[in-house]
């Protein structure tokens, strides 16, 4: 059975913002290795549309960016959206009841499936489906944006912490 993992970069004041966090090279290398090892990813519509950037080769990409794009393109993606009519390469729209669809994905796969996007993560948290939360804590204060926890924070238990890149700490939690 697959494990659902929600992990995102977060500011000290609890916000996530893809425009404000450019990962340093060591952290980007970490994300490349994670993408290579993941069974797949589940996206909400907004974050999926942002991540579609990696579908097409971009001028000026360096070797790590090309490596990440290759890993991202290779893995299956599932997109939870009520408004999208189609999904890009190697991506499938999640149809019907979200909880049933995700339970089925977990049962049919092994390894880690990334959950991307705080709103989707909140829905899956409410359904009791997220197995692990990874907060990549950056020493910045944003003051606004989307919170990592889009709703009430679930009861959690810290299971690990480590420095990933310079001043970025990964905090790993599981539901308590």
N, C-alpha and C. Protein backbone atom coordinates (compact mmCIF):
# COMPACT_ATOMS: atom_id res chain seq x y z
N UNK A 1 0.84 -1.19 0.00
CA UNK A 1 0.00 0.00 0.00
C UNK A 1 0.88 1.24 0.00
N UNK A 2 0.50 2.22 -0.80
CA UNK A 2 1.26 3.45 -0.91
C UNK A 2 1.07 4.33 0.32
N UNK A 3 2.04 5.17 0.55
CA UNK A 3 2.01 6.15 1.64
C UNK A 3 1.83 7.52 1.00
N UNK A 4 0.83 8.30 1.47
CA UNK A 4 0.62 9.66 0.99
C UNK A 4 1.44 10.62 1.84
N UNK A 5 2.26 11.44 1.16
CA UNK A 5 3.14 12.38 1.83
C UNK A 5 2.86 13.78 1.31
N UNK A 6 2.54 14.69 2.23
CA UNK A 6 2.36 16.10 1.88
C UNK A 6 3.58 16.86 2.36
N UNK A 7 4.35 17.38 1.41
CA UNK A 7 5.55 18.14 1.77
C UNK A 7 5.66 19.39 0.93
N UNK A 8 5.92 20.52 1.59
CA UNK A 8 6.08 21.78 0.88
C UNK A 8 7.04 22.68 1.65
N UNK A 9 7.60 23.65 0.93
CA UNK A 9 8.38 24.70 1.56
C UNK A 9 7.45 25.59 2.35
N UNK A 10 7.91 26.01 3.55
CA UNK A 10 7.07 26.85 4.41
C UNK A 10 7.93 27.93 5.06
N UNK A 11 7.35 29.11 5.21
CA UNK A 11 8.01 30.20 5.92
C UNK A 11 7.83 29.98 7.43
N UNK A 12 8.58 30.76 8.21
CA UNK A 12 8.46 30.66 9.67
C UNK A 12 7.05 30.99 10.15
N UNK A 13 6.34 31.83 9.40
CA UNK A 13 4.99 32.19 9.81
C UNK A 13 3.92 31.32 9.14
N UNK A 14 4.33 30.19 8.57
CA UNK A 14 3.37 29.17 8.15
C UNK A 14 2.85 29.25 6.74
N UNK A 15 3.44 30.06 5.88
CA UNK A 15 2.93 30.22 4.52
C UNK A 15 3.76 29.46 3.49
N UNK A 16 3.09 29.06 2.41
CA UNK A 16 3.75 28.46 1.26
C UNK A 16 3.51 29.41 0.09
N UNK A 17 4.55 29.60 -0.73
CA UNK A 17 4.42 30.48 -1.89
C UNK A 17 5.52 30.10 -2.87
N UNK A 18 5.13 29.48 -3.98
CA UNK A 18 6.13 29.00 -4.95
C UNK A 18 6.95 30.14 -5.55
N UNK A 19 6.42 31.35 -5.54
CA UNK A 19 7.18 32.48 -6.08
C UNK A 19 8.22 33.02 -5.10
N UNK A 20 8.06 32.73 -3.82
CA UNK A 20 8.96 33.29 -2.81
C UNK A 20 10.06 32.32 -2.40
N UNK A 21 9.96 31.05 -2.77
CA UNK A 21 10.94 30.05 -2.37
C UNK A 21 11.65 29.48 -3.58
N UNK A 22 12.80 30.00 -3.89
CA UNK A 22 13.63 29.39 -4.91
C UNK A 22 14.61 28.50 -4.16
N UNK A 23 14.49 27.19 -4.33
CA UNK A 23 15.33 26.31 -3.51
C UNK A 23 16.81 26.47 -3.84
N UNK A 24 17.65 26.52 -2.80
CA UNK A 24 19.09 26.52 -3.06
C UNK A 24 19.48 25.21 -3.74
N UNK A 25 20.64 25.17 -4.40
CA UNK A 25 21.02 23.98 -5.16
C UNK A 25 20.93 22.66 -4.38
N UNK A 26 21.35 22.64 -3.13
CA UNK A 26 21.30 21.39 -2.35
C UNK A 26 19.86 20.94 -2.11
N UNK A 27 18.96 21.88 -1.87
CA UNK A 27 17.55 21.53 -1.66
C UNK A 27 16.92 21.08 -2.98
N UNK A 28 17.27 21.74 -4.08
CA UNK A 28 16.75 21.33 -5.37
C UNK A 28 17.22 19.90 -5.70
N UNK A 29 18.47 19.58 -5.39
CA UNK A 29 18.99 18.22 -5.59
C UNK A 29 18.16 17.23 -4.77
N UNK A 30 17.83 17.59 -3.54
CA UNK A 30 16.98 16.75 -2.68
C UNK A 30 15.63 16.50 -3.36
N UNK A 31 15.03 17.55 -3.91
CA UNK A 31 13.73 17.41 -4.56
C UNK A 31 13.83 16.57 -5.84
N UNK A 32 14.95 16.65 -6.55
CA UNK A 32 15.15 15.80 -7.72
C UNK A 32 15.15 14.34 -7.30
N UNK A 33 15.90 14.02 -6.26
CA UNK A 33 15.98 12.63 -5.79
C UNK A 33 14.63 12.15 -5.30
N UNK A 34 13.87 13.01 -4.62
CA UNK A 34 12.52 12.62 -4.20
C UNK A 34 11.63 12.34 -5.40
N UNK A 35 11.68 13.21 -6.40
CA UNK A 35 10.84 13.01 -7.59
C UNK A 35 11.18 11.70 -8.29
N UNK A 36 12.46 11.36 -8.33
CA UNK A 36 12.88 10.10 -8.95
C UNK A 36 12.34 8.90 -8.19
N UNK A 37 12.24 9.00 -6.87
CA UNK A 37 11.86 7.86 -6.04
C UNK A 37 10.34 7.73 -5.85
N UNK A 38 9.59 8.78 -6.11
CA UNK A 38 8.15 8.75 -5.86
C UNK A 38 7.43 7.83 -6.83
N UNK A 39 6.39 7.20 -6.32
CA UNK A 39 5.51 6.38 -7.15
C UNK A 39 4.67 7.27 -8.06
N UNK A 40 4.36 8.47 -7.60
CA UNK A 40 3.56 9.41 -8.37
C UNK A 40 3.20 10.60 -7.52
N UNK A 41 2.38 11.48 -8.06
CA UNK A 41 1.96 12.69 -7.36
C UNK A 41 0.48 12.94 -7.58
N UNK A 42 -0.16 13.45 -6.54
CA UNK A 42 -1.56 13.88 -6.61
C UNK A 42 -1.57 15.39 -6.47
N UNK A 43 -2.22 16.05 -7.42
CA UNK A 43 -2.23 17.50 -7.46
C UNK A 43 -3.65 18.04 -7.38
N UNK A 44 -3.78 19.21 -6.75
CA UNK A 44 -4.95 20.02 -6.92
C UNK A 44 -4.76 20.80 -8.21
N UNK A 45 -5.82 21.40 -8.72
CA UNK A 45 -5.75 22.08 -10.01
C UNK A 45 -4.71 23.19 -10.05
N UNK A 46 -4.68 24.05 -9.04
CA UNK A 46 -3.78 25.22 -9.09
C UNK A 46 -2.31 24.79 -9.13
N UNK A 47 -1.92 23.92 -8.25
CA UNK A 47 -0.51 23.52 -8.22
C UNK A 47 -0.16 22.68 -9.45
N UNK A 48 -1.12 21.91 -9.94
CA UNK A 48 -0.86 21.16 -11.17
C UNK A 48 -0.59 22.12 -12.33
N UNK A 49 -1.39 23.17 -12.46
CA UNK A 49 -1.17 24.13 -13.54
C UNK A 49 0.19 24.81 -13.40
N UNK A 50 0.64 25.06 -12.19
CA UNK A 50 1.97 25.63 -11.97
C UNK A 50 3.04 24.62 -12.39
N UNK A 51 2.87 23.37 -11.98
CA UNK A 51 3.88 22.34 -12.26
C UNK A 51 3.93 21.94 -13.73
N UNK A 52 2.90 22.23 -14.49
CA UNK A 52 2.93 21.93 -15.93
C UNK A 52 4.09 22.62 -16.63
N UNK A 53 4.69 23.60 -15.99
CA UNK A 53 5.90 24.25 -16.49
C UNK A 53 6.95 23.21 -16.88
N UNK A 54 7.02 22.10 -16.12
CA UNK A 54 8.05 21.08 -16.34
C UNK A 54 7.73 20.15 -17.50
N UNK A 55 6.56 20.27 -18.09
CA UNK A 55 6.19 19.42 -19.23
C UNK A 55 7.02 19.71 -20.48
N UNK A 56 7.40 20.95 -20.67
CA UNK A 56 8.08 21.35 -21.90
C UNK A 56 9.46 21.91 -21.58
N UNK A 57 10.43 21.49 -22.36
CA UNK A 57 11.80 21.99 -22.21
C UNK A 57 11.80 23.51 -22.31
N UNK A 58 12.51 24.15 -21.38
CA UNK A 58 12.58 25.60 -21.35
C UNK A 58 13.98 26.07 -21.75
N UNK A 59 14.08 27.14 -22.52
CA UNK A 59 15.40 27.65 -22.88
C UNK A 59 16.15 28.08 -21.61
N UNK A 60 17.42 27.77 -21.58
CA UNK A 60 18.23 28.21 -20.45
C UNK A 60 18.25 27.28 -19.25
N UNK A 61 17.53 26.17 -19.31
CA UNK A 61 17.59 25.23 -18.19
C UNK A 61 19.00 24.70 -18.04
N UNK A 62 19.39 24.51 -16.78
CA UNK A 62 20.68 23.87 -16.51
C UNK A 62 20.44 22.37 -16.32
N UNK A 63 21.52 21.62 -16.09
CA UNK A 63 21.40 20.16 -15.98
C UNK A 63 20.46 19.73 -14.86
N UNK A 64 20.52 20.33 -13.65
CA UNK A 64 19.56 19.90 -12.61
C UNK A 64 18.10 20.16 -12.99
N UNK A 65 17.83 21.26 -13.64
CA UNK A 65 16.45 21.52 -14.05
C UNK A 65 15.98 20.49 -15.08
N UNK A 66 16.83 20.14 -16.01
CA UNK A 66 16.47 19.10 -16.98
C UNK A 66 16.27 17.75 -16.29
N UNK A 67 17.10 17.46 -15.28
CA UNK A 67 16.97 16.21 -14.55
C UNK A 67 15.66 16.15 -13.76
N UNK A 68 15.29 17.28 -13.11
CA UNK A 68 14.02 17.32 -12.40
C UNK A 68 12.86 17.14 -13.37
N UNK A 69 12.91 17.85 -14.49
CA UNK A 69 11.82 17.76 -15.47
C UNK A 69 11.65 16.33 -15.96
N UNK A 70 12.76 15.64 -16.21
CA UNK A 70 12.68 14.25 -16.67
C UNK A 70 12.04 13.36 -15.62
N UNK A 71 12.41 13.55 -14.36
CA UNK A 71 11.82 12.74 -13.27
C UNK A 71 10.34 13.06 -13.13
N UNK A 72 9.98 14.34 -13.22
CA UNK A 72 8.58 14.74 -13.07
C UNK A 72 7.74 14.19 -14.21
N UNK A 73 8.25 14.27 -15.42
CA UNK A 73 7.50 13.78 -16.58
C UNK A 73 7.27 12.28 -16.51
N UNK A 74 8.25 11.57 -15.97
CA UNK A 74 8.20 10.10 -15.94
C UNK A 74 7.13 9.57 -14.98
N UNK A 75 6.94 10.24 -13.85
CA UNK A 75 6.03 9.68 -12.85
C UNK A 75 4.57 9.94 -13.21
N UNK A 76 3.69 9.01 -12.83
CA UNK A 76 2.26 9.25 -13.03
C UNK A 76 1.77 10.38 -12.12
N UNK A 77 0.81 11.13 -12.63
CA UNK A 77 0.22 12.22 -11.89
C UNK A 77 -1.30 12.06 -11.91
N UNK A 78 -1.91 12.33 -10.77
CA UNK A 78 -3.36 12.31 -10.66
C UNK A 78 -3.78 13.71 -10.26
N UNK A 79 -4.79 14.25 -10.91
CA UNK A 79 -5.20 15.63 -10.70
C UNK A 79 -6.64 15.67 -10.21
N UNK A 80 -6.81 16.21 -9.00
CA UNK A 80 -8.14 16.36 -8.42
C UNK A 80 -8.66 17.75 -8.80
N UNK A 81 -9.64 17.77 -9.69
CA UNK A 81 -10.19 19.04 -10.16
C UNK A 81 -11.62 18.82 -10.61
N UNK A 82 -12.46 19.78 -10.27
CA UNK A 82 -13.84 19.75 -10.77
C UNK A 82 -13.99 20.59 -12.04
N UNK A 83 -12.94 21.36 -12.37
CA UNK A 83 -13.06 22.27 -13.51
C UNK A 83 -12.24 21.87 -14.73
N UNK A 84 -11.13 21.18 -14.54
CA UNK A 84 -10.34 20.76 -15.69
C UNK A 84 -11.08 19.69 -16.49
N UNK A 85 -11.00 19.80 -17.80
CA UNK A 85 -11.63 18.81 -18.67
C UNK A 85 -10.64 17.76 -19.14
N UNK A 86 -9.34 18.09 -19.08
CA UNK A 86 -8.30 17.15 -19.49
C UNK A 86 -7.03 17.47 -18.72
N UNK A 87 -6.12 16.50 -18.73
CA UNK A 87 -4.83 16.67 -18.07
C UNK A 87 -3.74 16.41 -19.08
N UNK A 88 -2.54 16.87 -18.76
CA UNK A 88 -1.41 16.75 -19.67
C UNK A 88 -0.83 15.35 -19.71
N UNK A 89 0.38 15.23 -20.28
CA UNK A 89 1.03 13.94 -20.42
C UNK A 89 1.22 13.23 -19.08
N UNK A 90 0.97 11.93 -19.09
CA UNK A 90 1.17 11.06 -17.93
C UNK A 90 0.35 11.52 -16.72
N UNK A 91 -0.78 12.17 -16.97
CA UNK A 91 -1.64 12.66 -15.90
C UNK A 91 -3.07 12.20 -16.13
N UNK A 92 -3.75 11.92 -15.03
CA UNK A 92 -5.12 11.43 -15.07
C UNK A 92 -5.98 12.28 -14.14
N UNK A 93 -7.14 12.69 -14.62
CA UNK A 93 -8.08 13.40 -13.75
C UNK A 93 -8.71 12.41 -12.77
N UNK A 94 -8.81 12.82 -11.52
CA UNK A 94 -9.47 12.01 -10.49
C UNK A 94 -10.96 12.27 -10.61
N UNK A 95 -11.70 11.22 -10.88
CA UNK A 95 -13.15 11.34 -11.07
C UNK A 95 -13.89 10.77 -9.87
N UNK A 96 -15.10 11.26 -9.68
CA UNK A 96 -15.95 10.74 -8.62
C UNK A 96 -15.54 11.21 -7.24
N UNK A 97 -15.88 10.42 -6.26
CA UNK A 97 -15.62 10.75 -4.86
C UNK A 97 -14.11 10.76 -4.60
N UNK A 98 -13.60 11.88 -4.10
CA UNK A 98 -12.16 12.04 -3.87
C UNK A 98 -11.63 10.98 -2.91
N UNK A 99 -12.30 10.78 -1.80
CA UNK A 99 -11.84 9.79 -0.82
C UNK A 99 -11.75 8.39 -1.39
N UNK A 100 -12.78 7.98 -2.10
CA UNK A 100 -12.77 6.64 -2.71
C UNK A 100 -11.65 6.51 -3.74
N UNK A 101 -11.48 7.55 -4.56
CA UNK A 101 -10.45 7.50 -5.61
C UNK A 101 -9.05 7.42 -5.00
N UNK A 102 -8.80 8.17 -3.95
CA UNK A 102 -7.47 8.17 -3.34
C UNK A 102 -7.23 6.88 -2.55
N UNK A 103 -8.23 6.38 -1.88
CA UNK A 103 -8.08 5.08 -1.20
C UNK A 103 -7.72 3.98 -2.21
N UNK A 104 -8.34 4.03 -3.36
CA UNK A 104 -8.06 3.05 -4.41
C UNK A 104 -6.62 3.20 -4.91
N UNK A 105 -6.17 4.45 -5.14
CA UNK A 105 -4.78 4.67 -5.55
C UNK A 105 -3.80 4.12 -4.51
N UNK A 106 -4.07 4.39 -3.24
CA UNK A 106 -3.19 3.90 -2.19
C UNK A 106 -3.14 2.37 -2.19
N UNK A 107 -4.28 1.75 -2.39
CA UNK A 107 -4.35 0.28 -2.37
C UNK A 107 -3.67 -0.35 -3.58
N UNK A 108 -3.69 0.33 -4.71
CA UNK A 108 -3.16 -0.24 -5.95
C UNK A 108 -1.67 0.00 -6.15
N UNK A 109 -1.04 0.84 -5.32
CA UNK A 109 0.36 1.21 -5.52
C UNK A 109 1.17 0.98 -4.25
N UNK A 110 2.46 0.89 -4.43
CA UNK A 110 3.42 0.84 -3.33
C UNK A 110 4.29 2.09 -3.40
N UNK A 111 5.01 2.36 -2.33
CA UNK A 111 5.93 3.50 -2.31
C UNK A 111 5.24 4.76 -1.86
N UNK A 112 5.88 5.89 -2.15
CA UNK A 112 5.36 7.19 -1.73
C UNK A 112 4.66 7.89 -2.88
N UNK A 113 3.50 8.43 -2.56
CA UNK A 113 2.78 9.29 -3.49
C UNK A 113 2.75 10.67 -2.86
N UNK A 114 3.28 11.64 -3.59
CA UNK A 114 3.32 13.02 -3.12
C UNK A 114 1.93 13.64 -3.23
N UNK A 115 1.56 14.41 -2.22
CA UNK A 115 0.35 15.22 -2.26
C UNK A 115 0.83 16.66 -2.43
N UNK A 116 0.37 17.34 -3.47
CA UNK A 116 0.85 18.69 -3.75
C UNK A 116 -0.29 19.68 -3.68
N UNK A 117 -0.11 20.68 -2.85
CA UNK A 117 -1.07 21.77 -2.72
C UNK A 117 -1.79 21.73 -1.38
N UNK A 118 -1.81 22.86 -0.67
CA UNK A 118 -2.41 22.89 0.67
C UNK A 118 -3.92 22.67 0.69
N UNK A 119 -4.63 23.10 -0.33
CA UNK A 119 -6.08 22.91 -0.32
C UNK A 119 -6.42 21.44 -0.50
N UNK A 120 -5.76 20.78 -1.45
CA UNK A 120 -5.95 19.34 -1.62
C UNK A 120 -5.53 18.60 -0.37
N UNK A 121 -4.39 18.99 0.20
CA UNK A 121 -3.91 18.34 1.43
C UNK A 121 -4.94 18.47 2.56
N UNK A 122 -5.58 19.62 2.65
CA UNK A 122 -6.60 19.80 3.70
C UNK A 122 -7.76 18.83 3.48
N UNK A 123 -8.20 18.67 2.24
CA UNK A 123 -9.29 17.73 1.96
C UNK A 123 -8.88 16.31 2.33
N UNK A 124 -7.65 15.93 1.97
CA UNK A 124 -7.18 14.57 2.27
C UNK A 124 -6.91 14.38 3.75
N UNK A 125 -6.50 15.45 4.44
CA UNK A 125 -6.32 15.40 5.90
C UNK A 125 -7.67 15.14 6.56
N UNK A 126 -8.69 15.88 6.12
CA UNK A 126 -10.03 15.71 6.70
C UNK A 126 -10.55 14.28 6.51
N UNK A 127 -10.11 13.63 5.44
CA UNK A 127 -10.51 12.25 5.17
C UNK A 127 -9.60 11.23 5.85
N UNK A 128 -8.58 11.72 6.56
CA UNK A 128 -7.65 10.82 7.25
C UNK A 128 -6.74 10.04 6.32
N UNK A 129 -6.41 10.61 5.16
CA UNK A 129 -5.66 9.85 4.16
C UNK A 129 -4.18 10.20 4.06
N UNK A 130 -3.74 11.30 4.65
CA UNK A 130 -2.32 11.65 4.58
C UNK A 130 -1.58 10.91 5.69
N UNK A 131 -0.50 10.24 5.27
CA UNK A 131 0.29 9.42 6.20
C UNK A 131 1.48 10.16 6.79
N UNK A 132 1.95 11.21 6.09
CA UNK A 132 3.13 11.92 6.58
C UNK A 132 3.12 13.34 6.04
N UNK A 133 3.57 14.26 6.90
CA UNK A 133 3.69 15.68 6.54
C UNK A 133 5.16 16.05 6.62
N UNK A 134 5.67 16.67 5.57
CA UNK A 134 7.06 17.14 5.55
C UNK A 134 7.05 18.65 5.33
N UNK A 135 7.50 19.35 6.35
CA UNK A 135 7.59 20.81 6.27
C UNK A 135 9.06 21.15 6.05
N UNK A 136 9.33 21.81 4.94
CA UNK A 136 10.67 22.31 4.65
C UNK A 136 10.68 23.77 5.11
N UNK A 137 11.16 23.97 6.33
CA UNK A 137 11.06 25.26 7.01
C UNK A 137 12.21 26.18 6.62
N UNK A 138 11.85 27.33 6.03
CA UNK A 138 12.82 28.33 5.60
C UNK A 138 12.82 29.49 6.60
N UNK A 139 13.97 30.08 6.91
CA UNK A 139 14.04 31.16 7.88
C UNK A 139 13.65 32.52 7.28
N UNK A 140 12.43 32.60 6.78
CA UNK A 140 11.90 33.85 6.24
C UNK A 140 10.48 34.03 6.78
N UNK A 141 10.04 35.28 6.80
CA UNK A 141 8.67 35.60 7.18
C UNK A 141 8.02 36.25 5.97
N UNK A 142 6.89 35.70 5.54
CA UNK A 142 6.20 36.22 4.36
C UNK A 142 5.08 37.18 4.73
N UNK A 143 4.37 36.91 5.80
CA UNK A 143 3.28 37.77 6.21
C UNK A 143 1.99 37.56 5.46
N UNK A 144 2.03 36.77 4.39
CA UNK A 144 0.81 36.50 3.64
C UNK A 144 1.07 35.35 2.68
N UNK A 145 0.01 34.89 2.06
CA UNK A 145 0.10 33.79 1.11
C UNK A 145 -0.86 32.68 1.50
N UNK A 146 -0.61 31.51 0.99
CA UNK A 146 -1.43 30.36 1.34
C UNK A 146 -0.78 29.65 2.53
N UNK A 147 -1.56 29.37 3.57
CA UNK A 147 -0.98 28.64 4.70
C UNK A 147 -0.71 27.18 4.34
N UNK A 148 0.33 26.61 4.95
CA UNK A 148 0.65 25.20 4.75
C UNK A 148 -0.57 24.36 5.11
N UNK A 149 -1.18 24.65 6.25
CA UNK A 149 -2.41 23.97 6.66
C UNK A 149 -3.58 24.87 6.27
N UNK A 150 -4.32 24.47 5.24
CA UNK A 150 -5.41 25.28 4.71
C UNK A 150 -6.62 25.29 5.64
N UNK A 151 -6.64 24.42 6.62
CA UNK A 151 -7.72 24.36 7.61
C UNK A 151 -7.11 24.11 8.97
N UNK A 152 -7.90 23.63 9.90
CA UNK A 152 -7.35 23.36 11.22
C UNK A 152 -6.20 22.35 11.14
N UNK A 153 -5.13 22.63 11.91
CA UNK A 153 -4.00 21.72 11.91
C UNK A 153 -4.41 20.43 12.61
N UNK A 154 -4.17 19.31 11.96
CA UNK A 154 -4.53 18.03 12.60
C UNK A 154 -3.57 17.73 13.75
N UNK A 155 -3.97 16.88 14.67
CA UNK A 155 -3.04 16.46 15.73
C UNK A 155 -1.88 15.69 15.08
N UNK A 156 -0.67 16.12 15.35
CA UNK A 156 0.50 15.53 14.73
C UNK A 156 1.54 15.13 15.77
N UNK A 157 2.41 14.19 15.37
CA UNK A 157 3.52 13.75 16.21
C UNK A 157 4.79 13.88 15.38
N UNK A 158 5.78 14.60 15.94
CA UNK A 158 7.06 14.77 15.26
C UNK A 158 7.81 13.44 15.23
N UNK A 159 8.26 13.04 14.04
CA UNK A 159 9.01 11.78 13.92
C UNK A 159 10.42 11.99 13.40
N UNK A 160 10.73 13.19 12.94
CA UNK A 160 12.08 13.43 12.45
C UNK A 160 12.31 14.88 12.13
N UNK A 161 13.59 15.24 12.14
CA UNK A 161 14.00 16.59 11.74
C UNK A 161 15.45 16.52 11.28
N UNK A 162 15.73 17.23 10.22
CA UNK A 162 17.10 17.26 9.72
C UNK A 162 17.31 18.50 8.87
N UNK A 163 18.56 18.91 8.79
CA UNK A 163 18.93 20.04 7.95
C UNK A 163 19.10 19.50 6.53
N UNK A 164 18.37 20.08 5.60
CA UNK A 164 18.42 19.61 4.22
C UNK A 164 19.42 20.42 3.41
N UNK A 165 19.37 21.72 3.55
CA UNK A 165 20.26 22.57 2.75
C UNK A 165 20.54 23.86 3.51
N UNK A 166 21.74 24.00 4.02
CA UNK A 166 22.11 25.23 4.71
C UNK A 166 21.20 25.53 5.87
N UNK A 167 20.25 26.44 5.67
CA UNK A 167 19.38 26.86 6.76
C UNK A 167 17.95 26.36 6.61
N UNK A 168 17.72 25.37 5.77
CA UNK A 168 16.38 24.79 5.59
C UNK A 168 16.30 23.50 6.39
N UNK A 169 15.31 23.44 7.26
CA UNK A 169 15.11 22.26 8.12
C UNK A 169 13.87 21.53 7.67
N UNK A 170 14.00 20.20 7.52
CA UNK A 170 12.82 19.38 7.21
C UNK A 170 12.29 18.82 8.52
N UNK A 171 11.02 19.08 8.78
CA UNK A 171 10.31 18.55 9.94
C UNK A 171 9.35 17.48 9.41
N UNK A 172 9.41 16.30 9.98
CA UNK A 172 8.55 15.20 9.53
C UNK A 172 7.58 14.85 10.64
N UNK A 173 6.29 14.85 10.29
CA UNK A 173 5.22 14.55 11.23
C UNK A 173 4.34 13.44 10.69
N UNK A 174 3.71 12.72 11.60
CA UNK A 174 2.67 11.75 11.24
C UNK A 174 1.43 12.09 12.06
N UNK A 175 0.26 11.67 11.61
CA UNK A 175 -0.94 11.93 12.40
C UNK A 175 -0.79 11.30 13.79
N UNK A 176 -1.21 12.03 14.80
CA UNK A 176 -1.10 11.54 16.19
C UNK A 176 -2.25 10.60 16.52
